[in-house]
């Protein structure tokens, strides 16, 4: 309970990836970390391992029945949302996204002028929020309402943590965080539902209008659209903001990596503005992002429930058992990674990853449930890094250590505070 993220990773490393049965009351709970076993659960026999059960119950109040569900609700949502979030579709919005990022990064100048430290998590969440809103919702959400969404998601993600790790407790027993979680959901609904209720006569260039049109053609109402919007926004915005928050402590510990990253941005983007056309040349930036997602994957826990009895790695898994898969643990297994606890982007140099087991690295999940927000992340995250570093050299304040908080998405337990210094071209 004090540190479930690192406890599960330590158990996985100690067992060398063999399956571990966890003490969790009457319901059997298994930690699955070996890539072969992860592949079996997420892909080979995925229909038997459903996103149901006690670990999912607290999240249902926020997410409802949508792309993060299973069965008919998941199939319907996937059929509608997948064509709207392909790499080609997202790519067509690249220049618009780059302009939105550059404009919002320009607002960080106030921090450089003051020289005062600020909360990087808050600023990055707002930056990502404003960018994703343009892609998902077009101009249908005011900046004021948009700025209510990100803090509400952060509040919900933190507040639900205790429920996730005490899943067998009845909701008649109040826990710290229950009220904050409900308040966060109410805020999200206050923003999302009025936006859905506005007229959407035909599908436009944004995801929301196309989603409303598709759902209403099927005779479905605002609640289903709300669940889709909440799930997709969370998958796109949360993963990007939380991953980028880990960047600054990582660069502080590895000034050699920071210097290479700065040099690439100087060469490719210069003084800016950043453009979507820069993405293919931001090779080292992509390597840094992949290593960030290896060590601190936003989606750090994928619970599943076995519908029927099965055998995984020779171990009998009972029907109804809970199976915990955590990329955070698998990405740290010594059997598949050299120096697994070190931050080293070179392990993702072109060609290096070809020698790796497909499920030794799976920050976006795997199998049919691969995260639909991946194309948004892969476009927005490197553009944000390049836009920030083309203008500034962030300096970490407060040292560390920065340990993970076991929220719905992985984030540092303490604030990451930065001071911004204006970049000088050619200077690391």
Protein backbone atom coordinates (compact mmCIF):
# COMPACT_ATOMS: atom_id res chain seq x y z
CA UNK A 1 0.00 0.00 0.00
CA UNK A 2 2.88 2.41 0.71
CA UNK A 3 4.47 1.88 -2.70
CA UNK A 4 2.52 -0.61 -4.83
CA UNK A 5 4.20 0.45 -8.09
CA UNK A 6 7.73 -0.44 -7.00
CA UNK A 7 6.59 -3.36 -4.86
CA UNK A 8 5.08 -5.11 -7.89
CA UNK A 9 8.20 -4.34 -9.95
CA UNK A 10 10.45 -5.74 -7.20
CA UNK A 11 8.36 -8.92 -7.00
CA UNK A 12 8.58 -9.36 -10.76
CA UNK A 13 12.36 -8.90 -10.78
CA UNK A 14 12.86 -11.19 -7.78
CA UNK A 15 10.79 -13.93 -9.44
CA UNK A 16 12.59 -13.33 -12.77
CA UNK A 17 9.28 -12.96 -14.53
CA UNK A 18 7.61 -16.10 -13.23
CA UNK A 19 4.00 -15.72 -12.12
CA UNK A 20 3.47 -14.54 -8.56
CA UNK A 21 0.30 -15.11 -6.55
CA UNK A 22 -0.40 -12.09 -4.37
CA UNK A 23 -2.06 -12.14 -0.94
CA UNK A 24 -5.33 -10.31 -1.64
CA UNK A 25 -8.14 -11.99 0.28
CA UNK A 26 -10.53 -14.59 -1.13
CA UNK A 27 -10.11 -13.64 -4.82
CA UNK A 28 -6.93 -15.06 -6.40
CA UNK A 29 -4.68 -12.28 -7.76
CA UNK A 30 -1.70 -13.05 -9.99
CA UNK A 31 1.14 -10.78 -11.09
CA UNK A 32 2.07 -11.57 -14.71
CA UNK A 33 5.27 -9.93 -15.98
CA UNK A 34 7.16 -12.26 -18.34
CA UNK A 35 6.71 -11.09 -21.97
CA UNK A 36 5.55 -14.58 -23.05
CA UNK A 37 2.84 -14.55 -20.38
CA UNK A 38 1.88 -10.93 -21.09
CA UNK A 39 1.46 -11.83 -24.75
CA UNK A 40 -0.77 -14.77 -23.84
CA UNK A 41 -3.08 -12.59 -21.73
CA UNK A 42 -3.19 -9.49 -23.94
CA UNK A 43 -3.16 -11.20 -27.33
CA UNK A 44 -3.06 -14.99 -27.51
CA UNK A 45 -6.08 -15.66 -25.28
CA UNK A 46 -7.27 -12.07 -24.83
CA UNK A 47 -10.99 -12.89 -25.04
CA UNK A 48 -10.69 -14.85 -21.80
CA UNK A 49 -9.12 -11.92 -19.95
CA UNK A 50 -11.67 -9.15 -19.63
CA UNK A 51 -11.39 -5.61 -18.28
CA UNK A 52 -13.76 -6.51 -15.50
CA UNK A 53 -13.61 -7.25 -11.80
CA UNK A 54 -12.68 -5.52 -8.62
CA UNK A 55 -9.78 -3.44 -9.93
CA UNK A 56 -11.95 -1.92 -12.67
CA UNK A 57 -14.97 -1.21 -10.51
CA UNK A 58 -13.74 2.17 -9.15
CA UNK A 59 -12.89 3.41 -12.67
CA UNK A 60 -16.35 2.65 -14.08
CA UNK A 61 -17.81 5.66 -12.27
CA UNK A 62 -15.56 7.90 -14.35
CA UNK A 63 -15.22 6.03 -17.64
CA UNK A 64 -18.61 4.37 -18.05
CA UNK A 65 -19.04 1.92 -20.95
CA UNK A 66 -16.77 2.77 -23.84
CA UNK A 67 -13.42 2.04 -25.43
CA UNK A 68 -11.94 1.15 -22.03
CA UNK A 69 -14.70 -1.38 -21.40
CA UNK A 70 -15.07 -4.85 -22.91
CA UNK A 71 -17.64 -6.85 -24.82
CA UNK A 72 -20.31 -5.15 -26.93
CA UNK A 73 -19.66 -1.65 -25.52
CA UNK A 74 -15.96 -1.88 -26.42
CA UNK A 75 -16.62 -3.30 -29.88
CA UNK A 76 -19.08 -0.50 -30.72
CA UNK A 77 -16.79 2.25 -29.42
CA UNK A 78 -13.74 0.80 -31.16
CA UNK A 79 -15.61 0.56 -34.46
CA UNK A 80 -16.56 4.23 -34.26
CA UNK A 81 -13.40 5.73 -32.75
CA UNK A 82 -10.62 3.82 -34.49
CA UNK A 83 -11.21 5.41 -37.94
CA UNK A 84 -11.23 8.86 -36.29
CA UNK A 85 -7.84 8.39 -34.60
CA UNK A 86 -5.68 6.71 -37.23
CA UNK A 87 -2.13 7.92 -37.79
CA UNK A 88 -3.21 9.35 -41.17
CA UNK A 89 -6.19 11.21 -39.69
CA UNK A 90 -4.15 12.63 -36.82
CA UNK A 91 -1.31 13.44 -39.23
CA UNK A 92 -3.64 15.58 -41.31
CA UNK A 93 -4.09 17.78 -38.24
CA UNK A 94 -0.36 18.06 -37.62
CA UNK A 95 0.19 21.65 -38.67
CA UNK A 96 -2.82 22.83 -36.70
CA UNK A 97 -1.51 20.96 -33.67
CA UNK A 98 1.98 22.42 -34.11
CA UNK A 99 0.59 25.97 -34.28
CA UNK A 100 -1.47 25.40 -31.13
CA UNK A 101 1.58 24.03 -29.30
CA UNK A 102 3.85 26.87 -30.41
CA UNK A 103 1.29 29.47 -29.35
CA UNK A 104 0.82 27.90 -25.91
CA UNK A 105 4.58 27.40 -25.34
CA UNK A 106 5.04 31.09 -26.08
CA UNK A 107 2.96 31.81 -22.97
CA UNK A 108 5.71 30.20 -20.86
CA UNK A 109 7.77 33.34 -21.50
CA UNK A 110 6.22 34.81 -18.37
CA UNK A 111 8.09 32.21 -16.29
CA UNK A 112 11.39 32.94 -18.02
CA UNK A 113 10.89 36.66 -17.40
CA UNK A 114 10.12 36.20 -13.71
CA UNK A 115 12.84 33.63 -13.02
CA UNK A 116 10.51 31.94 -10.53
CA UNK A 117 9.97 28.20 -10.29
CA UNK A 118 6.64 26.78 -11.44
CA UNK A 119 4.83 23.43 -11.34
CA UNK A 120 5.83 21.64 -14.56
CA UNK A 121 3.05 19.09 -14.18
CA UNK A 122 0.37 21.77 -14.13
CA UNK A 123 1.80 23.71 -17.05
CA UNK A 124 2.32 20.61 -19.19
CA UNK A 125 -1.15 19.33 -18.42
CA UNK A 126 -2.64 22.65 -19.52
CA UNK A 127 -0.45 22.76 -22.63
CA UNK A 128 -1.43 19.23 -23.65
CA UNK A 129 -5.03 19.94 -22.73
CA UNK A 130 -5.32 22.94 -25.03
CA UNK A 131 -3.65 21.01 -27.86
CA UNK A 132 -5.78 17.87 -27.57
CA UNK A 133 -8.97 19.92 -27.23
CA UNK A 134 -8.41 21.47 -30.65
CA UNK A 135 -8.08 18.04 -32.26
CA UNK A 136 -10.89 16.31 -30.38
CA UNK A 137 -13.40 19.12 -30.00
CA UNK A 138 -12.53 21.72 -32.64
CA UNK A 139 -13.72 25.11 -31.43
CA UNK A 140 -16.57 23.68 -29.40
CA UNK A 141 -15.02 24.18 -25.97
CA UNK A 142 -14.10 27.54 -24.49
CA UNK A 143 -10.58 27.98 -23.07
CA UNK A 144 -12.15 28.54 -19.64
CA UNK A 145 -14.07 25.25 -19.71
CA UNK A 146 -11.08 23.51 -21.25
CA UNK A 147 -8.93 24.53 -18.31
CA UNK A 148 -11.38 22.88 -15.93
CA UNK A 149 -10.93 19.47 -17.55
CA UNK A 150 -7.26 18.78 -16.92
CA UNK A 151 -7.26 19.52 -13.15
CA UNK A 152 -10.44 17.45 -12.80
CA UNK A 153 -8.79 14.45 -14.46
CA UNK A 154 -5.72 14.86 -12.27
CA UNK A 155 -7.91 15.04 -9.18
CA UNK A 156 -9.84 11.92 -10.22
CA UNK A 157 -6.68 9.96 -11.02
CA UNK A 158 -5.16 10.69 -7.62
CA UNK A 159 -8.38 10.25 -5.64
CA UNK A 160 -9.19 6.80 -7.07
CA UNK A 161 -5.82 5.30 -6.10
CA UNK A 162 -6.86 4.04 -2.65
CA UNK A 163 -10.01 2.40 -4.02
CA UNK A 164 -7.97 0.60 -6.67
CA UNK A 165 -5.76 -0.99 -4.03
CA UNK A 166 -8.55 -1.73 -1.57
CA UNK A 167 -10.97 -3.03 -4.22
CA UNK A 168 -12.85 -5.47 -2.02
CA UNK A 169 -14.06 -2.77 0.40
CA UNK A 170 -17.74 -1.91 0.18
CA UNK A 171 -18.68 1.56 -1.06
CA UNK A 172 -20.77 1.92 2.11
CA UNK A 173 -17.42 2.38 3.86
CA UNK A 174 -16.14 5.83 3.02
CA UNK A 175 -12.48 6.19 2.15
CA UNK A 176 -10.25 9.26 1.83
CA UNK A 177 -10.56 10.41 -1.75
CA UNK A 178 -14.15 9.25 -2.35
CA UNK A 179 -15.61 12.76 -2.14
CA UNK A 180 -12.82 14.28 -4.25
CA UNK A 181 -13.33 11.58 -6.89
CA UNK A 182 -17.06 12.30 -7.12
CA UNK A 183 -16.42 16.05 -7.29
CA UNK A 184 -13.96 15.53 -10.15
CA UNK A 185 -16.49 13.44 -12.10
CA UNK A 186 -19.13 16.13 -11.59
CA UNK A 187 -16.76 18.80 -12.94
CA UNK A 188 -15.95 16.68 -16.00
CA UNK A 189 -19.65 16.16 -16.70
CA UNK A 190 -20.37 19.87 -16.26
CA UNK A 191 -17.88 20.56 -19.07
CA UNK A 192 -18.51 17.63 -21.41
CA UNK A 193 -22.30 17.21 -21.37
CA UNK A 194 -23.25 20.77 -22.50
CA UNK A 195 -20.73 20.47 -25.33
CA UNK A 196 -22.39 17.23 -26.47
CA UNK A 197 -25.87 18.76 -26.25
CA UNK A 198 -25.06 21.50 -28.73
CA UNK A 199 -26.19 20.78 -32.27
CA UNK A 200 -23.82 18.79 -34.46
CA UNK A 201 -25.70 18.72 -37.77
CA UNK A 202 -22.97 16.92 -39.71
CA UNK A 203 -19.55 15.44 -38.99
CA UNK A 204 -16.80 18.04 -39.14
CA UNK A 205 -13.03 17.84 -38.92
CA UNK A 206 -13.00 17.21 -35.17
CA UNK A 207 -13.54 13.90 -33.40
CA UNK A 208 -16.51 15.09 -31.32
CA UNK A 209 -18.78 16.02 -34.23
CA UNK A 210 -18.01 12.76 -36.05
CA UNK A 211 -18.59 10.82 -32.85
CA UNK A 212 -21.93 12.53 -32.15
CA UNK A 213 -23.08 11.89 -35.70
CA UNK A 214 -22.10 8.19 -35.60
CA UNK A 215 -23.68 7.53 -32.21
CA UNK A 216 -26.93 9.30 -33.03
CA UNK A 217 -27.23 7.40 -36.30
CA UNK A 218 -27.20 4.28 -34.10
CA UNK A 219 -29.96 5.74 -31.95
CA UNK A 220 -27.70 6.20 -28.92
CA UNK A 221 -27.88 9.08 -26.50
CA UNK A 222 -25.65 11.58 -24.79
CA UNK A 223 -24.52 9.23 -22.02
CA UNK A 224 -22.78 6.92 -24.48
CA UNK A 225 -21.17 9.87 -26.27
CA UNK A 226 -20.06 11.22 -22.89
CA UNK A 227 -18.36 7.91 -22.01
CA UNK A 228 -16.55 7.90 -25.37
CA UNK A 229 -15.38 11.51 -24.98
CA UNK A 230 -14.20 11.04 -21.39
CA UNK A 231 -12.28 7.86 -22.24
CA UNK A 232 -10.62 9.20 -25.39
CA UNK A 233 -9.69 12.53 -23.81
CA UNK A 234 -8.12 10.73 -20.86
CA UNK A 235 -6.17 8.34 -23.09
CA UNK A 236 -4.85 11.17 -25.26
CA UNK A 237 -4.20 13.95 -22.75
CA UNK A 238 -3.27 12.06 -19.58
CA UNK A 239 -0.62 9.84 -21.15
CA UNK A 240 1.11 12.76 -22.85
CA UNK A 241 1.12 15.12 -19.87
CA UNK A 242 2.24 12.56 -17.29
CA UNK A 243 5.00 11.17 -19.54
CA UNK A 244 6.41 14.63 -20.26
CA UNK A 245 6.45 15.47 -16.54
CA UNK A 246 9.01 12.68 -16.00
CA UNK A 247 11.29 14.15 -18.67
CA UNK A 248 12.81 16.90 -16.54
CA UNK A 249 14.05 14.76 -13.60
CA UNK A 250 15.45 12.30 -16.17
CA UNK A 251 17.38 15.03 -18.03
CA UNK A 252 18.63 16.48 -14.75
CA UNK A 253 20.24 13.13 -13.90
CA UNK A 254 21.68 12.70 -17.40
CA UNK A 255 23.17 16.00 -18.63
CA UNK A 256 24.78 14.12 -21.53
CA UNK A 257 21.32 13.06 -22.76
CA UNK A 258 20.05 16.62 -22.27
CA UNK A 259 22.93 17.98 -24.36
CA UNK A 260 22.18 15.60 -27.25
CA UNK A 261 18.49 16.44 -27.09
CA UNK A 262 19.15 20.20 -27.09
CA UNK A 263 21.56 19.82 -30.01
CA UNK A 264 18.96 17.96 -32.09
CA UNK A 265 16.26 20.56 -31.42
CA UNK A 266 18.72 23.37 -32.25
CA UNK A 267 19.62 21.66 -35.52
CA UNK A 268 16.10 20.70 -36.61
CA UNK A 269 13.89 23.48 -35.22
CA UNK A 270 16.31 26.29 -34.43
CA UNK A 271 14.52 29.26 -32.91
CA UNK A 272 11.22 27.89 -34.20
CA UNK A 273 8.40 27.82 -34.70
CA UNK A 274 8.05 24.06 -34.50
CA UNK A 275 6.21 22.45 -37.40
CA UNK A 276 4.77 18.99 -38.08
CA UNK A 277 7.33 18.66 -40.87
CA UNK A 278 10.07 18.55 -38.23
CA UNK A 279 8.84 15.24 -36.79
CA UNK A 280 10.77 12.83 -39.07
CA UNK A 281 14.05 14.55 -38.14
CA UNK A 282 13.47 14.45 -34.37
CA UNK A 283 15.03 10.98 -34.10
CA UNK A 284 16.77 11.39 -30.75
CA UNK A 285 13.70 13.09 -29.30
CA UNK A 286 11.72 9.98 -30.20
CA UNK A 287 14.35 7.78 -28.53
CA UNK A 288 14.13 9.87 -25.34
CA UNK A 289 10.34 9.56 -25.33
CA UNK A 290 10.47 5.79 -25.75
CA UNK A 291 12.87 5.47 -22.85
CA UNK A 292 10.65 7.70 -20.72
CA UNK A 293 7.73 5.39 -21.47
CA UNK A 294 9.84 2.37 -20.61
CA UNK A 295 10.73 3.61 -17.15
CA UNK A 296 7.55 5.55 -16.38
CA UNK A 297 4.67 4.26 -18.53
CA UNK A 298 1.57 6.37 -17.99
CA UNK A 299 -0.66 3.30 -18.20
CA UNK A 300 1.29 1.38 -15.59
CA UNK A 301 -1.33 -1.21 -14.59
CA UNK A 302 -3.57 -3.37 -16.82
CA UNK A 303 -5.87 -5.47 -14.62
CA UNK A 304 -7.77 -8.36 -16.19
CA UNK A 305 -10.24 -10.98 -14.95
CA UNK A 306 -10.10 -14.57 -16.18
CA UNK A 307 -13.58 -15.57 -17.36
CA UNK A 308 -12.62 -19.24 -17.65
CA UNK A 309 -9.88 -21.31 -16.05
CA UNK A 310 -6.62 -21.17 -17.98
CA UNK A 311 -2.94 -22.04 -17.71
CA UNK A 312 -0.35 -19.28 -18.05
CA UNK A 313 3.30 -20.30 -18.05
CA UNK A 314 2.32 -23.65 -16.58
CA UNK A 315 0.42 -22.04 -13.69
CA UNK A 316 -3.30 -22.76 -13.25
CA UNK A 317 -5.35 -19.56 -13.23
CA UNK A 318 -8.85 -20.03 -11.82
CA UNK A 319 -12.00 -18.63 -13.40
CA UNK A 320 -12.71 -15.28 -11.74
CA UNK A 321 -9.07 -14.72 -10.80
CA UNK A 322 -7.61 -11.25 -11.20
CA UNK A 323 -4.49 -10.91 -13.32
CA UNK A 324 -2.26 -7.84 -12.93
CA UNK A 325 -0.05 -6.80 -15.82
CA UNK A 326 2.22 -3.82 -15.28
CA UNK A 327 4.55 -2.49 -17.98
CA UNK A 328 6.43 -0.74 -15.19
CA UNK A 329 7.50 -4.18 -13.92
CA UNK A 330 8.09 -5.92 -17.27
CA UNK A 331 10.17 -2.98 -18.52
CA UNK A 332 12.53 -3.55 -15.57
CA UNK A 333 13.21 -7.27 -15.97
CA UNK A 334 16.95 -8.01 -16.07
CA UNK A 335 16.33 -10.95 -18.39
CA UNK A 336 15.18 -8.61 -21.18
CA UNK A 337 16.91 -5.30 -20.50
CA UNK A 338 20.53 -4.42 -19.84
CA UNK A 339 20.89 -2.06 -16.88
CA UNK A 340 17.08 -1.86 -16.66
CA UNK A 341 16.96 0.84 -13.99
CA UNK A 342 19.15 3.28 -15.94
CA UNK A 343 17.74 5.99 -18.19
CA UNK A 344 19.42 5.31 -21.54
CA UNK A 345 17.70 6.42 -24.79
CA UNK A 346 20.39 4.68 -26.85
CA UNK A 347 18.64 1.37 -26.26
CA UNK A 348 16.01 2.70 -28.70
CA UNK A 349 18.49 3.70 -31.40
CA UNK A 350 17.27 2.69 -34.87
CA UNK A 351 17.66 -1.08 -35.24
CA UNK A 352 18.34 -1.83 -31.56
CA UNK A 353 14.71 -2.59 -30.65
CA UNK A 354 14.45 -5.25 -33.39
CA UNK A 355 16.23 -7.75 -31.12
CA UNK A 356 13.64 -7.38 -28.37
CA UNK A 357 10.63 -9.55 -27.47
CA UNK A 358 7.45 -7.90 -28.76
CA UNK A 359 5.96 -7.80 -25.26
CA UNK A 360 9.10 -6.79 -23.39
CA UNK A 361 7.98 -3.23 -24.17
CA UNK A 362 4.30 -2.33 -24.33
CA UNK A 363 3.58 1.15 -22.91
CA UNK A 364 0.42 1.41 -25.05
CA UNK A 365 -0.90 -2.03 -24.15
CA UNK A 366 -1.18 -4.79 -26.71
CA UNK A 367 -3.45 -7.01 -28.74
CA UNK A 368 -6.90 -5.75 -29.73
CA UNK A 369 -6.86 -3.28 -26.81
CA UNK A 370 -3.88 -1.31 -28.10
CA UNK A 371 -4.39 2.32 -27.02
CA UNK A 372 -6.24 4.36 -29.66
CA UNK A 373 -4.60 7.56 -28.38
CA UNK A 374 -1.14 6.43 -29.52
CA UNK A 375 -1.08 8.48 -32.78
CA UNK A 376 -2.00 11.63 -30.84
CA UNK A 377 0.78 10.99 -28.34
CA UNK A 378 3.36 10.25 -31.02
CA UNK A 379 2.62 13.55 -32.71
CA UNK A 380 2.00 15.85 -29.75
CA UNK A 381 4.76 14.73 -27.35
CA UNK A 382 7.80 15.32 -29.61
CA UNK A 383 6.32 18.59 -30.89
CA UNK A 384 5.88 19.83 -27.32
CA UNK A 385 9.45 18.90 -26.35
CA UNK A 386 10.84 20.56 -29.47
CA UNK A 387 8.74 23.69 -28.98
CA UNK A 388 9.82 24.07 -25.34
CA UNK A 389 13.52 23.43 -26.01
CA UNK A 390 13.64 25.70 -29.06
CA UNK A 391 12.88 28.59 -26.68
CA UNK A 392 14.05 27.54 -23.22
CA UNK A 393 16.47 25.47 -21.15
CA UNK A 394 14.44 24.17 -18.19
CA UNK A 395 16.33 23.81 -14.90
CA UNK A 396 15.00 21.43 -12.25
CA UNK A 397 14.48 22.85 -8.77
CA UNK A 398 14.24 20.81 -5.59
CA UNK A 399 16.20 17.73 -6.56
CA UNK A 400 14.36 14.53 -5.75
CA UNK A 401 13.87 11.70 -5.41
CA UNK A 402 10.83 11.60 -7.70
CA UNK A 403 8.99 8.40 -6.89
CA UNK A 404 5.81 7.24 -8.67
CA UNK A 405 2.37 7.89 -7.23
CA UNK A 406 0.02 4.94 -7.92
CA UNK A 407 -2.77 6.96 -9.50
CA UNK A 408 -4.89 5.92 -12.46
CA UNK A 409 -1.95 7.10 -14.58
CA UNK A 410 1.64 7.18 -13.36
CA UNK A 411 2.85 10.56 -12.12
CA UNK A 412 5.53 11.77 -9.70
CA UNK A 413 4.48 11.74 -6.07
CA UNK A 414 5.93 15.23 -5.53
CA UNK A 415 5.83 18.32 -7.71
CA UNK A 416 8.35 18.72 -10.48
CA UNK A 417 9.34 22.38 -10.35
CA UNK A 418 11.23 24.12 -13.13
CA UNK A 419 12.91 27.46 -13.77
CA UNK A 420 13.09 28.53 -17.42
CA UNK A 421 16.19 30.10 -18.95
CA UNK A 422 15.99 31.41 -22.51
CA UNK A 423 17.85 29.19 -24.97
CA UNK A 424 20.95 30.43 -26.71
CA UNK A 425 21.40 28.79 -30.08
CA UNK A 426 24.19 26.24 -30.04
CA UNK A 427 24.37 26.23 -26.22
CA UNK A 428 23.44 23.17 -24.19
